[in-house]
Amino acid sequence: MVDAKTKAESIREWVVEHKLRAVGCLWLGGITGSIAYNWSKPNMKPSVKIIHARLHAQALTLAALAGAALVEYYDHNSGAKADRYAELVPHKD
């Protein structure tokens, strides 16, 4: 019988394979959400709204990079990464 992967395991595997894409999508979503939130405040200049959105997205990106580093650390310690690339490395006999 085939083991069914959990949703969290599938997401983790996708993040491992597409780290930069995940960080970029998180940044884009963060800056879009922050601009939308800041644009609802009528008493701020547009330049201040954009600066706030950039700062929020930058903080979110740093958090995403830290999360990607933790995933990489976990894969390195668990040996999953070594198993994945073992077939690609030529063996010296």
Protein backbone atom coordinates (compact mmCIF):
# COMPACT_ATOMS: atom_id res chain seq x y z
CA MET A 1 0.00 0.00 0.00
CA VAL A 2 1.29 3.47 -0.88
CA ASP A 3 1.87 5.88 1.99
CA ALA A 4 -0.24 8.98 1.63
CA LYS A 5 1.71 12.15 2.34
CA THR A 6 0.21 14.65 4.67
CA LYS A 7 -0.52 18.17 3.46
CA ALA A 8 2.25 19.57 5.68
CA GLU A 9 4.78 17.08 4.29
CA SER A 10 3.84 17.96 0.72
CA ILE A 11 4.23 21.67 1.45
CA ARG A 12 7.58 21.08 3.14
CA GLU A 13 8.87 19.13 0.15
CA TRP A 14 7.74 21.89 -2.23
CA VAL A 15 9.50 24.53 -0.12
CA VAL A 16 12.68 22.42 -0.07
CA GLU A 17 12.67 22.18 -3.86
CA HIS A 18 11.62 25.81 -4.50
CA LYS A 19 13.13 27.88 -1.69
CA LEU A 20 13.64 31.10 -3.64
CA ARG A 21 10.25 30.88 -5.31
CA ALA A 22 8.59 30.45 -1.91
CA VAL A 23 10.45 33.46 -0.48
CA GLY A 24 9.61 35.55 -3.56
CA CYS A 25 5.93 34.65 -3.40
CA LEU A 26 5.84 35.48 0.29
CA TRP A 27 7.53 38.84 -0.40
CA LEU A 28 5.05 39.65 -3.19
CA GLY A 29 2.09 38.71 -1.02
CA GLY A 30 3.48 40.70 1.89
CA ILE A 31 4.07 43.87 -0.08
CA THR A 32 0.67 43.59 -1.80
CA GLY A 33 -1.14 43.10 1.50
CA SER A 34 0.78 45.88 3.18
CA ILE A 35 0.08 48.34 0.35
CA ALA A 36 -3.60 47.41 0.47
CA TYR A 37 -3.68 47.91 4.24
CA ASN A 38 -1.75 51.19 4.16
CA TRP A 39 -3.86 52.60 1.31
CA SER A 40 -6.91 52.35 3.55
CA LYS A 41 -5.36 54.98 5.86
CA PRO A 42 -6.35 58.36 4.42
CA ASN A 43 -4.12 60.59 6.57
CA MET A 44 -0.74 59.34 5.24
CA LYS A 45 1.23 60.51 2.22
CA PRO A 46 1.57 57.96 -0.61
CA SER A 47 5.35 57.95 -0.21
CA VAL A 48 5.02 57.01 3.47
CA LYS A 49 2.56 54.25 2.58
CA ILE A 50 5.01 52.77 0.08
CA ILE A 51 7.90 52.98 2.56
CA HIS A 52 5.84 51.21 5.22
CA ALA A 53 4.85 48.51 2.74
CA ARG A 54 8.50 47.97 1.80
CA LEU A 55 9.53 47.69 5.44
CA HIS A 56 6.78 45.18 6.20
CA ALA A 57 7.69 43.10 3.16
CA GLN A 58 11.38 43.23 4.09
CA ALA A 59 10.66 41.92 7.58
CA LEU A 60 8.46 39.17 6.13
CA THR A 61 11.23 38.23 3.67
CA LEU A 62 13.79 37.95 6.46
CA ALA A 63 11.42 35.67 8.35
CA ALA A 64 10.89 33.57 5.20
CA LEU A 65 14.65 33.29 4.63
CA ALA A 66 15.10 32.18 8.24
CA GLY A 67 12.38 29.58 7.73
CA ALA A 68 14.05 28.32 4.53
CA ALA A 69 17.34 28.08 6.42
CA LEU A 70 15.64 25.99 9.12
CA VAL A 71 14.18 23.66 6.48
CA GLU A 72 17.63 23.30 4.89
CA TYR A 73 19.19 22.62 8.32
CA TYR A 74 16.54 19.98 9.07
CA ASP A 75 17.13 18.27 5.72
CA HIS A 76 20.88 18.33 6.23
CA ASN A 77 20.64 16.77 9.70
CA SER A 78 18.03 14.18 8.74
CA GLY A 79 20.07 12.94 5.77
CA ALA A 80 17.19 13.47 3.34
CA LYS A 81 19.24 15.80 1.20
CA ALA A 82 22.15 13.36 0.98
CA ASP A 83 19.79 10.57 -0.08
CA ARG A 84 18.24 12.77 -2.75
CA TYR A 85 21.58 13.65 -4.38
CA ALA A 86 23.36 10.32 -3.84
CA GLU A 87 22.30 9.00 -7.22
CA LEU A 88 23.64 12.09 -9.01
CA VAL A 89 27.17 11.84 -7.61
CA PRO A 90 29.43 9.40 -9.47
CA HIS A 91 30.95 6.77 -7.20
CA LYS A 92 34.68 6.05 -7.32
CA ASP A 93 35.33 2.34 -7.32
